[in-house]
Amino acid sequence: MLDQFVALIIDESKWLTASMGFALLAVSALLYRHRKEQLPIQRRVYATMNLFFAVTIGTMAFGHLLAVTTKLAWGTLEGSLLRFYIIGILLAVPSWWLIFHALKLFSTPSGPARKTLLLNGWLAVTLLALGLPNLPLAAPGFFNIGYGLHSRPLVGWAMVSMAIVINLGLFIGSLIFLASGQSFEQFRGME
């Protein structure tokens, strides 16, 4: 039983699907909770986009740190422990901080906070620095920045539409990856 639980924790094929599902649940719960408030639609959309991105990356960062710690405890960790922890922390801290800012966006009527934009940039740039294959994961952060800075409704709709398409594509891809039962390296044909 413990071996199955450990295998579940260290199986990277499950984390993106679970993270996006958890993010959708968090966004749905928050939208339901604030359904009767007179928050402007632009503010509600911006808060939703930020919360979805932050919860997705924050959950994946937590999973990464949990998997690294589990592999370390079981003696199966290959590679630099310090490097793996730094990667996890560089993603966890800004994403969890962004969750806090996204929640504040639901309750304050003022414009986007500078910190919210900076946290989106931090996450997106960090993901890209870890490799170009992370571009689909980083893109929603850039769309959040664009949406936070836009002044024309058409630009706002374009940002939201692209973020939805990217997130939907990521979720479908994660389901295919999950169904394959392969490791990331096997799935990409690298092994």
N, C-alpha and C. Protein backbone atom coordinates (compact mmCIF):
# COMPACT_ATOMS: atom_id res chain seq x y z
N MET A 1 0.83 -1.19 0.00
CA MET A 1 0.00 0.00 0.00
C MET A 1 0.87 1.26 0.00
N LEU A 2 1.89 1.29 0.85
CA LEU A 2 2.79 2.44 0.92
C LEU A 2 3.54 2.61 -0.40
N ASP A 3 3.94 1.49 -1.00
CA ASP A 3 4.65 1.55 -2.28
C ASP A 3 3.77 2.17 -3.36
N GLN A 4 2.47 1.86 -3.35
CA GLN A 4 1.55 2.43 -4.34
C GLN A 4 1.39 3.93 -4.12
N PHE A 5 1.33 4.34 -2.87
CA PHE A 5 1.20 5.76 -2.55
C PHE A 5 2.45 6.53 -3.00
N VAL A 6 3.61 5.96 -2.74
CA VAL A 6 4.87 6.58 -3.16
C VAL A 6 4.93 6.67 -4.68
N ALA A 7 4.53 5.60 -5.36
CA ALA A 7 4.52 5.60 -6.83
C ALA A 7 3.60 6.69 -7.36
N LEU A 8 2.47 6.90 -6.70
CA LEU A 8 1.54 7.95 -7.11
C LEU A 8 2.17 9.34 -6.94
N ILE A 9 2.88 9.55 -5.85
CA ILE A 9 3.51 10.85 -5.58
C ILE A 9 4.58 11.17 -6.60
N ILE A 10 5.40 10.19 -6.96
CA ILE A 10 6.55 10.48 -7.83
C ILE A 10 6.22 10.33 -9.31
N ASP A 11 4.97 10.01 -9.65
CA ASP A 11 4.57 9.84 -11.05
C ASP A 11 4.17 11.20 -11.64
N GLU A 12 5.08 11.76 -12.45
CA GLU A 12 4.83 13.10 -13.00
C GLU A 12 3.67 13.16 -13.98
N SER A 13 3.19 12.03 -14.46
CA SER A 13 2.10 12.03 -15.43
C SER A 13 0.77 12.45 -14.80
N LYS A 14 0.69 12.45 -13.49
CA LYS A 14 -0.57 12.76 -12.83
C LYS A 14 -0.66 14.19 -12.30
N TRP A 15 0.46 14.87 -12.12
CA TRP A 15 0.45 16.15 -11.44
C TRP A 15 -0.21 17.27 -12.22
N LEU A 16 0.00 17.37 -13.53
CA LEU A 16 -0.61 18.47 -14.29
C LEU A 16 -2.13 18.34 -14.31
N THR A 17 -2.62 17.13 -14.57
CA THR A 17 -4.07 16.93 -14.59
C THR A 17 -4.68 17.26 -13.23
N ALA A 18 -4.06 16.75 -12.17
CA ALA A 18 -4.57 17.02 -10.82
C ALA A 18 -4.49 18.51 -10.49
N SER A 19 -3.41 19.16 -10.87
CA SER A 19 -3.23 20.59 -10.59
C SER A 19 -4.28 21.43 -11.30
N MET A 20 -4.52 21.12 -12.56
CA MET A 20 -5.51 21.90 -13.31
C MET A 20 -6.92 21.61 -12.81
N GLY A 21 -7.19 20.37 -12.43
CA GLY A 21 -8.49 20.04 -11.84
C GLY A 21 -8.71 20.78 -10.53
N PHE A 22 -7.68 20.82 -9.71
CA PHE A 22 -7.75 21.53 -8.43
C PHE A 22 -7.94 23.03 -8.67
N ALA A 23 -7.24 23.58 -9.67
CA ALA A 23 -7.38 25.01 -10.00
C ALA A 23 -8.80 25.32 -10.46
N LEU A 24 -9.37 24.45 -11.29
CA LEU A 24 -10.74 24.65 -11.75
C LEU A 24 -11.72 24.61 -10.58
N LEU A 25 -11.49 23.71 -9.66
CA LEU A 25 -12.33 23.62 -8.47
C LEU A 25 -12.21 24.89 -7.62
N ALA A 26 -10.99 25.38 -7.43
CA ALA A 26 -10.77 26.60 -6.63
C ALA A 26 -11.44 27.81 -7.28
N VAL A 27 -11.28 27.95 -8.59
CA VAL A 27 -11.89 29.07 -9.31
C VAL A 27 -13.42 28.98 -9.24
N SER A 28 -13.96 27.79 -9.45
CA SER A 28 -15.41 27.61 -9.40
C SER A 28 -15.96 27.96 -8.02
N ALA A 29 -15.29 27.50 -6.98
CA ALA A 29 -15.74 27.78 -5.61
C ALA A 29 -15.70 29.28 -5.32
N LEU A 30 -14.65 29.94 -5.77
CA LEU A 30 -14.54 31.37 -5.51
C LEU A 30 -15.56 32.18 -6.32
N LEU A 31 -15.78 31.79 -7.56
CA LEU A 31 -16.79 32.48 -8.36
C LEU A 31 -18.18 32.29 -7.75
N TYR A 32 -18.45 31.09 -7.27
CA TYR A 32 -19.74 30.84 -6.63
C TYR A 32 -19.88 31.67 -5.35
N ARG A 33 -18.82 31.73 -4.58
CA ARG A 33 -18.85 32.48 -3.32
C ARG A 33 -19.09 33.97 -3.55
N HIS A 34 -18.54 34.51 -4.63
CA HIS A 34 -18.65 35.95 -4.91
C HIS A 34 -19.69 36.26 -5.99
N ARG A 35 -20.60 35.34 -6.25
CA ARG A 35 -21.55 35.50 -7.35
C ARG A 35 -22.49 36.70 -7.19
N LYS A 36 -22.79 37.11 -5.98
CA LYS A 36 -23.75 38.19 -5.76
C LYS A 36 -23.09 39.55 -5.56
N GLU A 37 -21.78 39.57 -5.52
CA GLU A 37 -21.06 40.83 -5.34
C GLU A 37 -21.06 41.62 -6.64
N GLN A 38 -21.00 42.92 -6.53
CA GLN A 38 -21.04 43.81 -7.68
C GLN A 38 -19.64 44.11 -8.22
N LEU A 39 -18.82 43.11 -8.30
CA LEU A 39 -17.47 43.27 -8.82
C LEU A 39 -17.53 43.42 -10.34
N PRO A 40 -16.84 44.41 -10.91
CA PRO A 40 -16.85 44.57 -12.37
C PRO A 40 -16.36 43.29 -13.06
N ILE A 41 -16.93 42.98 -14.21
CA ILE A 41 -16.61 41.74 -14.91
C ILE A 41 -15.11 41.66 -15.25
N GLN A 42 -14.52 42.79 -15.63
CA GLN A 42 -13.09 42.79 -15.96
C GLN A 42 -12.27 42.37 -14.74
N ARG A 43 -12.65 42.83 -13.58
CA ARG A 43 -11.94 42.50 -12.34
C ARG A 43 -12.13 41.01 -12.00
N ARG A 44 -13.35 40.53 -12.19
CA ARG A 44 -13.65 39.12 -11.91
C ARG A 44 -12.86 38.20 -12.85
N VAL A 45 -12.79 38.57 -14.12
CA VAL A 45 -12.04 37.77 -15.10
C VAL A 45 -10.56 37.77 -14.75
N TYR A 46 -10.03 38.93 -14.42
CA TYR A 46 -8.60 39.04 -14.08
C TYR A 46 -8.27 38.21 -12.85
N ALA A 47 -9.11 38.28 -11.84
CA ALA A 47 -8.89 37.49 -10.62
C ALA A 47 -8.95 36.00 -10.93
N THR A 48 -9.91 35.60 -11.77
CA THR A 48 -10.06 34.20 -12.14
C THR A 48 -8.85 33.69 -12.90
N MET A 49 -8.38 34.46 -13.87
CA MET A 49 -7.20 34.05 -14.65
C MET A 49 -5.98 33.88 -13.75
N ASN A 50 -5.78 34.83 -12.84
CA ASN A 50 -4.63 34.76 -11.93
C ASN A 50 -4.74 33.59 -10.97
N LEU A 51 -5.93 33.37 -10.43
CA LEU A 51 -6.11 32.26 -9.49
C LEU A 51 -5.88 30.92 -10.17
N PHE A 52 -6.41 30.75 -11.38
CA PHE A 52 -6.24 29.47 -12.09
C PHE A 52 -4.75 29.20 -12.35
N PHE A 53 -4.04 30.18 -12.85
CA PHE A 53 -2.61 30.02 -13.14
C PHE A 53 -1.83 29.74 -11.86
N ALA A 54 -2.11 30.52 -10.82
CA ALA A 54 -1.36 30.37 -9.56
C ALA A 54 -1.61 29.03 -8.89
N VAL A 55 -2.86 28.58 -8.87
CA VAL A 55 -3.16 27.29 -8.24
C VAL A 55 -2.56 26.15 -9.05
N THR A 56 -2.63 26.24 -10.37
CA THR A 56 -2.04 25.19 -11.21
C THR A 56 -0.54 25.07 -10.94
N ILE A 57 0.18 26.16 -11.03
CA ILE A 57 1.64 26.12 -10.85
C ILE A 57 1.99 25.84 -9.38
N GLY A 58 1.24 26.41 -8.45
CA GLY A 58 1.49 26.18 -7.03
C GLY A 58 1.32 24.73 -6.64
N THR A 59 0.29 24.09 -7.17
CA THR A 59 0.07 22.67 -6.88
C THR A 59 1.16 21.82 -7.51
N MET A 60 1.56 22.17 -8.73
CA MET A 60 2.65 21.42 -9.37
C MET A 60 3.96 21.61 -8.62
N ALA A 61 4.21 22.81 -8.12
CA ALA A 61 5.43 23.06 -7.34
C ALA A 61 5.41 22.25 -6.05
N PHE A 62 4.26 22.20 -5.40
CA PHE A 62 4.12 21.38 -4.20
C PHE A 62 4.38 19.91 -4.54
N GLY A 63 3.80 19.45 -5.65
CA GLY A 63 4.02 18.06 -6.08
C GLY A 63 5.48 17.79 -6.38
N HIS A 64 6.14 18.74 -7.00
CA HIS A 64 7.57 18.60 -7.30
C HIS A 64 8.37 18.46 -6.01
N LEU A 65 8.13 19.35 -5.05
CA LEU A 65 8.85 19.29 -3.78
C LEU A 65 8.54 18.01 -3.01
N LEU A 66 7.29 17.58 -3.06
CA LEU A 66 6.90 16.34 -2.40
C LEU A 66 7.58 15.13 -3.05
N ALA A 67 7.62 15.12 -4.39
CA ALA A 67 8.26 14.01 -5.10
C ALA A 67 9.77 13.97 -4.82
N VAL A 68 10.41 15.13 -4.82
CA VAL A 68 11.85 15.19 -4.53
C VAL A 68 12.12 14.68 -3.11
N THR A 69 11.33 15.13 -2.16
CA THR A 69 11.51 14.70 -0.77
C THR A 69 11.25 13.20 -0.63
N THR A 70 10.24 12.70 -1.32
CA THR A 70 9.92 11.27 -1.28
C THR A 70 11.05 10.45 -1.88
N LYS A 71 11.55 10.88 -3.04
CA LYS A 71 12.66 10.15 -3.67
C LYS A 71 13.90 10.19 -2.78
N LEU A 72 14.14 11.31 -2.13
CA LEU A 72 15.27 11.42 -1.22
C LEU A 72 15.11 10.43 -0.06
N ALA A 73 13.92 10.36 0.51
CA ALA A 73 13.66 9.46 1.64
C ALA A 73 13.79 7.99 1.24
N TRP A 74 13.43 7.67 0.01
CA TRP A 74 13.50 6.28 -0.47
C TRP A 74 14.85 5.95 -1.09
N GLY A 75 15.71 6.95 -1.20
CA GLY A 75 17.04 6.70 -1.76
C GLY A 75 17.06 6.51 -3.26
N THR A 76 16.06 7.05 -3.95
CA THR A 76 15.98 6.89 -5.40
C THR A 76 16.19 8.20 -6.16
N LEU A 77 16.57 9.25 -5.46
CA LEU A 77 16.76 10.55 -6.11
C LEU A 77 18.04 10.53 -6.93
N GLU A 78 17.90 10.89 -8.20
CA GLU A 78 19.05 11.01 -9.09
C GLU A 78 19.19 12.47 -9.48
N GLY A 79 20.34 13.03 -9.28
CA GLY A 79 20.56 14.43 -9.61
C GLY A 79 20.82 15.24 -8.35
N SER A 80 20.90 16.54 -8.55
CA SER A 80 21.25 17.46 -7.48
C SER A 80 20.04 17.80 -6.61
N LEU A 81 20.11 17.42 -5.35
CA LEU A 81 19.04 17.73 -4.40
C LEU A 81 18.83 19.24 -4.30
N LEU A 82 19.92 19.98 -4.17
CA LEU A 82 19.84 21.43 -4.05
C LEU A 82 19.16 22.05 -5.27
N ARG A 83 19.53 21.61 -6.45
CA ARG A 83 18.94 22.13 -7.69
C ARG A 83 17.43 21.85 -7.74
N PHE A 84 17.05 20.62 -7.38
CA PHE A 84 15.63 20.27 -7.42
C PHE A 84 14.82 21.09 -6.41
N TYR A 85 15.37 21.30 -5.23
CA TYR A 85 14.66 22.11 -4.23
C TYR A 85 14.58 23.57 -4.66
N ILE A 86 15.64 24.09 -5.24
CA ILE A 86 15.62 25.48 -5.71
C ILE A 86 14.55 25.67 -6.78
N ILE A 87 14.46 24.72 -7.72
CA ILE A 87 13.42 24.80 -8.76
C ILE A 87 12.04 24.83 -8.11
N GLY A 88 11.80 23.93 -7.19
CA GLY A 88 10.49 23.87 -6.52
C GLY A 88 10.17 25.15 -5.77
N ILE A 89 11.15 25.68 -5.07
CA ILE A 89 10.92 26.90 -4.28
C ILE A 89 10.73 28.11 -5.19
N LEU A 90 11.49 28.18 -6.29
CA LEU A 90 11.35 29.30 -7.23
C LEU A 90 9.96 29.33 -7.88
N LEU A 91 9.30 28.19 -7.93
CA LEU A 91 7.94 28.14 -8.46
C LEU A 91 6.89 28.23 -7.36
N ALA A 92 7.17 27.62 -6.22
CA ALA A 92 6.18 27.58 -5.14
C ALA A 92 5.93 28.95 -4.51
N VAL A 93 6.98 29.65 -4.17
CA VAL A 93 6.82 30.92 -3.45
C VAL A 93 6.01 31.94 -4.26
N PRO A 94 6.38 32.24 -5.51
CA PRO A 94 5.58 33.24 -6.22
C PRO A 94 4.16 32.76 -6.55
N SER A 95 3.99 31.46 -6.79
CA SER A 95 2.64 30.99 -7.12
C SER A 95 1.73 31.07 -5.90
N TRP A 96 2.24 30.71 -4.74
CA TRP A 96 1.41 30.81 -3.54
C TRP A 96 1.15 32.27 -3.18
N TRP A 97 2.11 33.12 -3.42
CA TRP A 97 1.93 34.55 -3.20
C TRP A 97 0.90 35.10 -4.19
N LEU A 98 0.94 34.61 -5.43
CA LEU A 98 -0.03 35.03 -6.44
C LEU A 98 -1.44 34.57 -6.08
N ILE A 99 -1.56 33.41 -5.46
CA ILE A 99 -2.88 32.97 -5.00
C ILE A 99 -3.45 34.01 -4.03
N PHE A 100 -2.63 34.46 -3.11
CA PHE A 100 -3.05 35.49 -2.15
C PHE A 100 -3.50 36.75 -2.88
N HIS A 101 -2.74 37.19 -3.87
CA HIS A 101 -3.09 38.40 -4.63
C HIS A 101 -4.36 38.20 -5.44
N ALA A 102 -4.53 37.02 -6.01
CA ALA A 102 -5.75 36.75 -6.78
C ALA A 102 -6.98 36.78 -5.88
N LEU A 103 -6.85 36.26 -4.69
CA LEU A 103 -7.97 36.31 -3.74
C LEU A 103 -8.30 37.76 -3.36
N LYS A 104 -7.27 38.59 -3.23
CA LYS A 104 -7.50 40.01 -2.93
C LYS A 104 -8.19 40.71 -4.11
N LEU A 105 -7.91 40.27 -5.33
CA LEU A 105 -8.55 40.88 -6.50
C LEU A 105 -10.06 40.69 -6.47
N PHE A 106 -10.52 39.60 -5.86
CA PHE A 106 -11.96 39.36 -5.76
C PHE A 106 -12.64 40.31 -4.78
N SER A 107 -11.86 40.90 -3.88
CA SER A 107 -12.48 41.70 -2.83
C SER A 107 -12.17 43.19 -2.88
N THR A 108 -11.28 43.61 -3.79
CA THR A 108 -10.96 45.03 -3.87
C THR A 108 -11.34 45.58 -5.24
N PRO A 109 -11.94 46.75 -5.29
CA PRO A 109 -12.41 47.30 -6.55
C PRO A 109 -11.34 48.02 -7.38
N SER A 110 -10.15 48.23 -6.84
CA SER A 110 -9.14 49.01 -7.56
C SER A 110 -8.48 48.18 -8.66
N GLY A 111 -7.66 48.84 -9.47
CA GLY A 111 -6.99 48.22 -10.61
C GLY A 111 -5.99 47.16 -10.20
N PRO A 112 -5.34 46.52 -11.19
CA PRO A 112 -4.40 45.44 -10.88
C PRO A 112 -3.19 45.96 -10.12
N ALA A 113 -2.81 45.22 -9.13
CA ALA A 113 -1.65 45.59 -8.33
C ALA A 113 -0.37 45.28 -9.09
N ARG A 114 0.61 46.10 -8.91
CA ARG A 114 1.91 45.91 -9.55
C ARG A 114 2.52 44.56 -9.16
N LYS A 115 2.35 44.17 -7.90
CA LYS A 115 2.90 42.90 -7.45
C LYS A 115 2.28 41.72 -8.18
N THR A 116 0.99 41.81 -8.48
CA THR A 116 0.32 40.74 -9.20
C THR A 116 0.96 40.56 -10.58
N LEU A 117 1.22 41.66 -11.25
CA LEU A 117 1.87 41.60 -12.56
C LEU A 117 3.28 41.04 -12.44
N LEU A 118 4.03 41.48 -11.44
CA LEU A 118 5.40 41.01 -11.24
C LEU A 118 5.44 39.52 -10.90
N LEU A 119 4.50 39.04 -10.10
CA LEU A 119 4.47 37.62 -9.75
C LEU A 119 4.17 36.75 -10.97
N ASN A 120 3.26 37.23 -11.83
CA ASN A 120 3.00 36.51 -13.08
C ASN A 120 4.26 36.44 -13.93
N GLY A 121 4.97 37.57 -14.01
CA GLY A 121 6.22 37.59 -14.77
C GLY A 121 7.26 36.67 -14.18
N TRP A 122 7.40 36.68 -12.87
CA TRP A 122 8.37 35.82 -12.18
C TRP A 122 8.09 34.35 -12.52
N LEU A 123 6.83 33.95 -12.40
CA LEU A 123 6.49 32.55 -12.68
C LEU A 123 6.73 32.20 -14.14
N ALA A 124 6.26 33.05 -15.05
CA ALA A 124 6.40 32.75 -16.48
C ALA A 124 7.86 32.69 -16.90
N VAL A 125 8.66 33.64 -16.45
CA VAL A 125 10.09 33.66 -16.82
C VAL A 125 10.81 32.47 -16.19
N THR A 126 10.49 32.12 -14.95
CA THR A 126 11.11 30.96 -14.31
C THR A 126 10.79 29.69 -15.08
N LEU A 127 9.54 29.53 -15.47
CA LEU A 127 9.16 28.34 -16.24
C LEU A 127 9.92 28.27 -17.56
N LEU A 128 10.04 29.41 -18.24
CA LEU A 128 10.79 29.44 -19.51
C LEU A 128 12.27 29.18 -19.29
N ALA A 129 12.82 29.68 -18.20
CA ALA A 129 14.24 29.46 -17.91
C ALA A 129 14.53 27.98 -17.67
N LEU A 130 13.51 27.24 -17.25
CA LEU A 130 13.68 25.80 -17.03
C LEU A 130 13.60 25.00 -18.32
N GLY A 131 13.26 25.66 -19.40
CA GLY A 131 13.24 25.00 -20.70
C GLY A 131 12.08 25.46 -21.56
N LEU A 132 12.33 25.54 -22.85
CA LEU A 132 11.31 25.98 -23.81
C LEU A 132 10.07 25.08 -23.83
N PRO A 133 10.20 23.77 -23.52
CA PRO A 133 8.98 22.95 -23.47
C PRO A 133 7.97 23.44 -22.42
N ASN A 134 8.39 24.31 -21.51
CA ASN A 134 7.48 24.86 -20.51
C ASN A 134 6.68 26.06 -21.02
N LEU A 135 6.87 26.45 -22.27
CA LEU A 135 6.16 27.60 -22.82
C LEU A 135 4.64 27.50 -22.64
N PRO A 136 4.02 26.34 -22.92
CA PRO A 136 2.57 26.27 -22.70
C PRO A 136 2.16 26.49 -21.24
N LEU A 137 3.02 26.10 -20.30
CA LEU A 137 2.74 26.36 -18.88
C LEU A 137 2.95 27.83 -18.53
N ALA A 138 3.92 28.47 -19.18
CA ALA A 138 4.25 29.87 -18.88
C ALA A 138 3.29 30.85 -19.56
N ALA A 139 2.74 30.47 -20.70
CA ALA A 139 1.91 31.39 -21.50
C ALA A 139 0.77 32.03 -20.72
N PRO A 140 0.01 31.29 -19.89
CA PRO A 140 -1.06 31.96 -19.15
C PRO A 140 -0.56 33.10 -18.26
N GLY A 141 0.65 33.01 -17.75
CA GLY A 141 1.21 34.10 -16.95
C GLY A 141 1.40 35.35 -17.80
N PHE A 142 1.89 35.16 -19.03
CA PHE A 142 2.05 36.31 -19.93
C PHE A 142 0.69 36.88 -20.33
N PHE A 143 -0.31 36.01 -20.53
CA PHE A 143 -1.65 36.49 -20.85
C PHE A 143 -2.25 37.26 -19.66
N ASN A 144 -1.96 36.81 -18.45
CA ASN A 144 -2.43 37.54 -17.26
C ASN A 144 -1.83 38.95 -17.22
N ILE A 145 -0.55 39.05 -17.55
CA ILE A 145 0.11 40.36 -17.58
C ILE A 145 -0.55 41.24 -18.65
N GLY A 146 -0.73 40.68 -19.84
CA GLY A 146 -1.38 41.42 -20.92
C GLY A 146 -2.78 41.87 -20.55
N TYR A 147 -3.53 40.98 -19.92
CA TYR A 147 -4.89 41.34 -19.53
C TYR A 147 -4.88 42.42 -18.45
N GLY A 148 -3.94 42.34 -17.53
CA GLY A 148 -3.84 43.33 -16.46
C GLY A 148 -3.47 44.71 -16.97
N LEU A 149 -2.78 44.77 -18.10
CA LEU A 149 -2.32 46.05 -18.64
C LEU A 149 -3.18 46.58 -19.78
N HIS A 150 -4.09 45.77 -20.31
CA HIS A 150 -4.85 46.19 -21.49
C HIS A 150 -5.81 47.33 -21.17
N SER A 151 -6.14 48.09 -22.22
CA SER A 151 -7.09 49.19 -22.05
C SER A 151 -8.22 49.12 -23.08
N ARG A 152 -8.13 48.19 -24.00
CA ARG A 152 -9.17 48.04 -25.03
C ARG A 152 -9.89 46.72 -24.84
N PRO A 153 -11.21 46.73 -24.91
CA PRO A 153 -11.99 45.50 -24.70
C PRO A 153 -11.60 44.36 -25.65
N LEU A 154 -11.31 44.69 -26.91
CA LEU A 154 -10.95 43.65 -27.87
C LEU A 154 -9.65 42.96 -27.48
N VAL A 155 -8.70 43.71 -26.99
CA VAL A 155 -7.43 43.14 -26.53
C VAL A 155 -7.68 42.23 -25.32
N GLY A 156 -8.54 42.68 -24.42
CA GLY A 156 -8.89 41.87 -23.25
C GLY A 156 -9.51 40.54 -23.65
N TRP A 157 -10.46 40.59 -24.58
CA TRP A 157 -11.09 39.35 -25.05
C TRP A 157 -10.09 38.44 -25.73
N ALA A 158 -9.16 39.02 -26.48
CA ALA A 158 -8.13 38.21 -27.14
C ALA A 158 -7.25 37.51 -26.10
N MET A 159 -6.86 38.22 -25.05
CA MET A 159 -6.03 37.63 -23.99
C MET A 159 -6.77 36.48 -23.29
N VAL A 160 -8.03 36.72 -22.96
CA VAL A 160 -8.82 35.69 -22.28
C VAL A 160 -9.00 34.48 -23.19
N SER A 161 -9.31 34.72 -24.45
CA SER A 161 -9.51 33.62 -25.40
C SER A 161 -8.26 32.78 -25.57
N MET A 162 -7.11 33.44 -25.71
CA MET A 162 -5.85 32.69 -25.86
C MET A 162 -5.52 31.92 -24.59
N ALA A 163 -5.77 32.51 -23.44
CA ALA A 163 -5.50 31.81 -22.18
C ALA A 163 -6.39 30.57 -22.05
N ILE A 164 -7.65 30.70 -22.45
CA ILE A 164 -8.56 29.55 -22.39
C ILE A 164 -8.10 28.45 -23.33
N VAL A 165 -7.73 28.81 -24.55
CA VAL A 165 -7.27 27.82 -25.53
C VAL A 165 -6.02 27.10 -25.03
N ILE A 166 -5.06 27.87 -24.52
CA ILE A 166 -3.82 27.27 -24.00
C ILE A 166 -4.12 26.33 -22.83
N ASN A 167 -4.93 26.80 -21.88
CA ASN A 167 -5.25 25.97 -20.72
C ASN A 167 -6.04 24.72 -21.10
N LEU A 168 -6.95 24.86 -22.03
CA LEU A 168 -7.71 23.70 -22.50
C LEU A 168 -6.79 22.71 -23.20
N GLY A 169 -5.88 23.23 -24.03
CA GLY A 169 -4.90 22.37 -24.70
C GLY A 169 -4.00 21.65 -23.70
N LEU A 170 -3.56 22.37 -22.67
CA LEU A 170 -2.74 21.76 -21.62
C LEU A 170 -3.51 20.65 -20.90
N PHE A 171 -4.77 20.91 -20.60
CA PHE A 171 -5.55 19.91 -19.88
C PHE A 171 -5.78 18.67 -20.74
N ILE A 172 -6.13 18.87 -22.00
CA ILE A 172 -6.31 17.72 -22.90
C ILE A 172 -5.00 16.96 -23.06
N GLY A 173 -3.90 17.69 -23.24
CA GLY A 173 -2.59 17.04 -23.33
C GLY A 173 -2.25 16.27 -22.07
N SER A 174 -2.60 16.83 -20.91
CA SER A 174 -2.31 16.13 -19.65
C SER A 174 -3.13 14.86 -19.52
N LEU A 175 -4.37 14.89 -20.03
CA LEU A 175 -5.19 13.68 -20.01
C LEU A 175 -4.62 12.60 -20.92
N ILE A 176 -4.12 13.01 -22.08
CA ILE A 176 -3.49 12.05 -23.00
C ILE A 176 -2.23 11.47 -22.36
N PHE A 177 -1.43 12.33 -21.75
CA PHE A 177 -0.22 11.90 -21.06
C PHE A 177 -0.57 10.95 -19.92
N LEU A 178 -1.60 11.29 -19.15
CA LEU A 178 -2.05 10.45 -18.04
C LEU A 178 -2.50 9.08 -18.54
N ALA A 179 -3.27 9.08 -19.63
CA ALA A 179 -3.78 7.82 -20.18
C ALA A 179 -2.67 6.95 -20.77
N SER A 180 -1.57 7.57 -21.20
CA SER A 180 -0.48 6.79 -21.81
C SER A 180 0.23 5.90 -20.79
N GLY A 181 0.24 6.32 -19.52
CA GLY A 181 0.92 5.55 -18.49
C GLY A 181 2.43 5.57 -18.60
N GLN A 182 2.96 6.46 -19.43
CA GLN A 182 4.40 6.52 -19.65
C GLN A 182 5.03 7.63 -18.82
N SER A 183 6.34 7.55 -18.68
CA SER A 183 7.08 8.65 -18.07
C SER A 183 7.17 9.77 -19.10
N PHE A 184 7.55 10.96 -18.64
CA PHE A 184 7.69 12.10 -19.55
C PHE A 184 8.68 11.79 -20.66
N GLU A 185 9.79 11.16 -20.30
CA GLU A 185 10.83 10.84 -21.28
C GLU A 185 10.33 9.82 -22.30
N GLN A 186 9.60 8.81 -21.85
CA GLN A 186 9.05 7.81 -22.77
C GLN A 186 8.01 8.45 -23.68
N PHE A 187 7.16 9.30 -23.12
CA PHE A 187 6.10 9.94 -23.88
C PHE A 187 6.66 10.82 -24.99
N ARG A 188 7.76 11.51 -24.73
CA ARG A 188 8.38 12.40 -25.71
C ARG A 188 9.32 11.65 -26.65
N GLY A 189 9.48 10.33 -26.46
CA GLY A 189 10.35 9.54 -27.32
C GLY A 189 11.82 9.74 -27.02
N MET A 190 12.14 10.20 -25.81
CA MET A 190 13.53 10.45 -25.44
C MET A 190 14.17 9.23 -24.80
N GLU A 191 13.38 8.20 -24.52
CA GLU A 191 13.91 7.02 -23.85
C GLU A 191 13.65 5.79 -24.69
